[in-house]
Amino acid sequence: MTKKKKPKPFRAVTAVKALARERIGAPKAGQVVKEKTRKPEKHKPTLQKILTDLS
């Protein structure tokens, strides 16, 4: 004989969510977040920064 499945313990959260899905409907699917592009610098680089980048 096979074992009977043990009933899962009652959880209020799952019961409330199930009722909400029945009454309101399933929530909308999540959207994929696009990678944010890097914003250009607001200020011009200083002469010292330009010279250190070149060398």
N, C-alpha and C. Protein backbone atom coordinates (compact mmCIF):
# COMPACT_ATOMS: atom_id res chain seq x y z
N MET A 1 0.82 -1.19 0.00
CA MET A 1 0.00 0.00 0.00
C MET A 1 0.87 1.25 0.00
N THR A 2 0.35 2.27 -0.63
CA THR A 2 1.09 3.53 -0.63
C THR A 2 0.64 4.38 0.55
N LYS A 3 1.53 5.24 0.97
CA LYS A 3 1.23 6.11 2.10
C LYS A 3 0.23 7.18 1.69
N LYS A 4 -0.62 7.56 2.62
CA LYS A 4 -1.52 8.67 2.37
C LYS A 4 -0.74 9.97 2.52
N LYS A 5 -1.09 10.96 1.70
CA LYS A 5 -0.41 12.24 1.82
C LYS A 5 -0.86 12.95 3.08
N LYS A 6 0.10 13.50 3.78
CA LYS A 6 -0.18 14.23 5.00
C LYS A 6 -0.77 15.59 4.61
N PRO A 7 -1.89 16.00 5.19
CA PRO A 7 -2.46 17.30 4.84
C PRO A 7 -1.55 18.43 5.32
N LYS A 8 -1.44 19.46 4.48
CA LYS A 8 -0.58 20.60 4.86
C LYS A 8 -1.26 21.40 5.97
N PRO A 9 -0.46 22.00 6.85
CA PRO A 9 -1.06 22.79 7.94
C PRO A 9 -1.75 24.04 7.38
N PHE A 10 -2.82 24.46 8.04
CA PHE A 10 -3.57 25.64 7.60
C PHE A 10 -2.75 26.89 7.82
N ARG A 11 -2.71 27.73 6.80
CA ARG A 11 -2.04 29.02 6.90
C ARG A 11 -3.03 30.09 6.45
N ALA A 12 -3.20 31.08 7.29
CA ALA A 12 -4.16 32.14 7.01
C ALA A 12 -3.78 32.92 5.76
N VAL A 13 -2.49 33.12 5.55
CA VAL A 13 -2.01 33.90 4.41
C VAL A 13 -2.44 33.26 3.09
N THR A 14 -2.25 31.95 2.97
CA THR A 14 -2.63 31.28 1.72
C THR A 14 -4.14 31.29 1.52
N ALA A 15 -4.91 31.19 2.61
CA ALA A 15 -6.36 31.23 2.50
C ALA A 15 -6.84 32.60 2.03
N VAL A 16 -6.27 33.65 2.59
CA VAL A 16 -6.65 35.02 2.22
C VAL A 16 -6.28 35.30 0.78
N LYS A 17 -5.11 34.87 0.36
CA LYS A 17 -4.69 35.09 -1.02
C LYS A 17 -5.58 34.34 -2.00
N ALA A 18 -5.97 33.12 -1.65
CA ALA A 18 -6.85 32.34 -2.51
C ALA A 18 -8.20 33.03 -2.67
N LEU A 19 -8.75 33.55 -1.58
CA LEU A 19 -10.02 34.27 -1.65
C LEU A 19 -9.90 35.53 -2.51
N ALA A 20 -8.79 36.24 -2.36
CA ALA A 20 -8.59 37.46 -3.14
C ALA A 20 -8.49 37.14 -4.63
N ARG A 21 -7.83 36.05 -4.97
CA ARG A 21 -7.71 35.66 -6.38
C ARG A 21 -9.08 35.30 -6.96
N GLU A 22 -9.93 34.66 -6.16
CA GLU A 22 -11.27 34.32 -6.62
C GLU A 22 -12.10 35.57 -6.88
N ARG A 23 -12.05 36.50 -5.96
CA ARG A 23 -12.90 37.68 -6.05
C ARG A 23 -12.38 38.73 -7.02
N ILE A 24 -11.11 39.05 -6.91
CA ILE A 24 -10.54 40.14 -7.71
C ILE A 24 -9.89 39.61 -8.99
N GLY A 25 -9.24 38.50 -8.91
CA GLY A 25 -8.51 37.95 -10.05
C GLY A 25 -7.03 37.90 -9.74
N ALA A 26 -6.29 37.22 -10.60
CA ALA A 26 -4.86 37.07 -10.38
C ALA A 26 -4.16 38.41 -10.58
N PRO A 27 -3.06 38.68 -9.85
CA PRO A 27 -2.34 39.94 -10.03
C PRO A 27 -1.66 39.97 -11.39
N LYS A 28 -1.37 41.17 -11.86
CA LYS A 28 -0.71 41.33 -13.15
C LYS A 28 0.71 40.74 -13.08
N ALA A 29 1.17 40.28 -14.22
CA ALA A 29 2.52 39.72 -14.28
C ALA A 29 3.54 40.85 -14.11
N GLY A 30 4.65 40.52 -13.50
CA GLY A 30 5.70 41.51 -13.30
C GLY A 30 6.37 41.89 -14.61
N GLN A 31 6.88 43.10 -14.67
CA GLN A 31 7.55 43.57 -15.88
C GLN A 31 9.06 43.47 -15.72
N VAL A 32 9.73 43.25 -16.83
CA VAL A 32 11.17 43.16 -16.82
C VAL A 32 11.74 44.57 -16.73
N VAL A 33 12.68 44.78 -15.81
CA VAL A 33 13.30 46.09 -15.63
C VAL A 33 14.46 46.21 -16.59
N LYS A 34 14.43 47.27 -17.40
CA LYS A 34 15.52 47.48 -18.34
C LYS A 34 16.74 48.03 -17.61
N GLU A 35 17.91 47.72 -18.14
CA GLU A 35 19.12 48.26 -17.55
C GLU A 35 19.17 49.75 -17.79
N LYS A 36 19.52 50.48 -16.76
CA LYS A 36 19.59 51.93 -16.89
C LYS A 36 20.90 52.30 -17.57
N THR A 37 20.80 53.21 -18.52
CA THR A 37 22.02 53.67 -19.18
C THR A 37 22.69 54.72 -18.31
N ARG A 38 23.96 54.79 -18.41
CA ARG A 38 24.71 55.73 -17.60
C ARG A 38 24.49 57.14 -18.11
N LYS A 39 24.21 58.05 -17.21
CA LYS A 39 23.98 59.43 -17.59
C LYS A 39 25.32 60.11 -17.90
N PRO A 40 25.34 61.02 -18.85
CA PRO A 40 26.58 61.75 -19.11
C PRO A 40 26.91 62.64 -17.92
N GLU A 41 28.19 62.94 -17.78
CA GLU A 41 28.62 63.78 -16.66
C GLU A 41 28.03 65.18 -16.80
N LYS A 42 27.69 65.77 -15.68
CA LYS A 42 27.06 67.09 -15.70
C LYS A 42 28.09 68.20 -15.91
N HIS A 43 29.30 67.97 -15.47
CA HIS A 43 30.32 69.01 -15.56
C HIS A 43 31.44 68.58 -16.49
N LYS A 44 32.06 69.56 -17.10
CA LYS A 44 33.21 69.26 -17.95
C LYS A 44 34.35 68.80 -17.07
N PRO A 45 35.17 67.88 -17.55
CA PRO A 45 36.31 67.45 -16.74
C PRO A 45 37.33 68.59 -16.60
N THR A 46 37.97 68.64 -15.45
CA THR A 46 38.96 69.69 -15.21
C THR A 46 40.23 69.37 -15.98
N LEU A 47 41.05 70.37 -16.13
CA LEU A 47 42.31 70.21 -16.86
C LEU A 47 43.19 69.16 -16.17
N GLN A 48 43.18 69.17 -14.86
CA GLN A 48 43.99 68.20 -14.11
C GLN A 48 43.52 66.78 -14.39
N LYS A 49 42.21 66.57 -14.47
CA LYS A 49 41.68 65.23 -14.74
C LYS A 49 42.04 64.78 -16.15
N ILE A 50 41.97 65.71 -17.11
CA ILE A 50 42.31 65.37 -18.50
C ILE A 50 43.78 64.96 -18.59
N LEU A 51 44.66 65.72 -17.91
CA LEU A 51 46.08 65.42 -17.96
C LEU A 51 46.41 64.09 -17.29
N THR A 52 45.72 63.75 -16.21
CA THR A 52 46.00 62.48 -15.54
C THR A 52 45.48 61.30 -16.37
N ASP A 53 44.41 61.51 -17.12
CA ASP A 53 43.88 60.44 -17.97
C ASP A 53 44.81 60.16 -19.15
N LEU A 54 45.45 61.19 -19.65
CA LEU A 54 46.33 61.01 -20.81
C LEU A 54 47.62 60.30 -20.45
N SER A 55 48.12 60.55 -19.27
CA SER A 55 49.42 59.95 -18.92
C SER A 55 49.28 58.64 -18.22
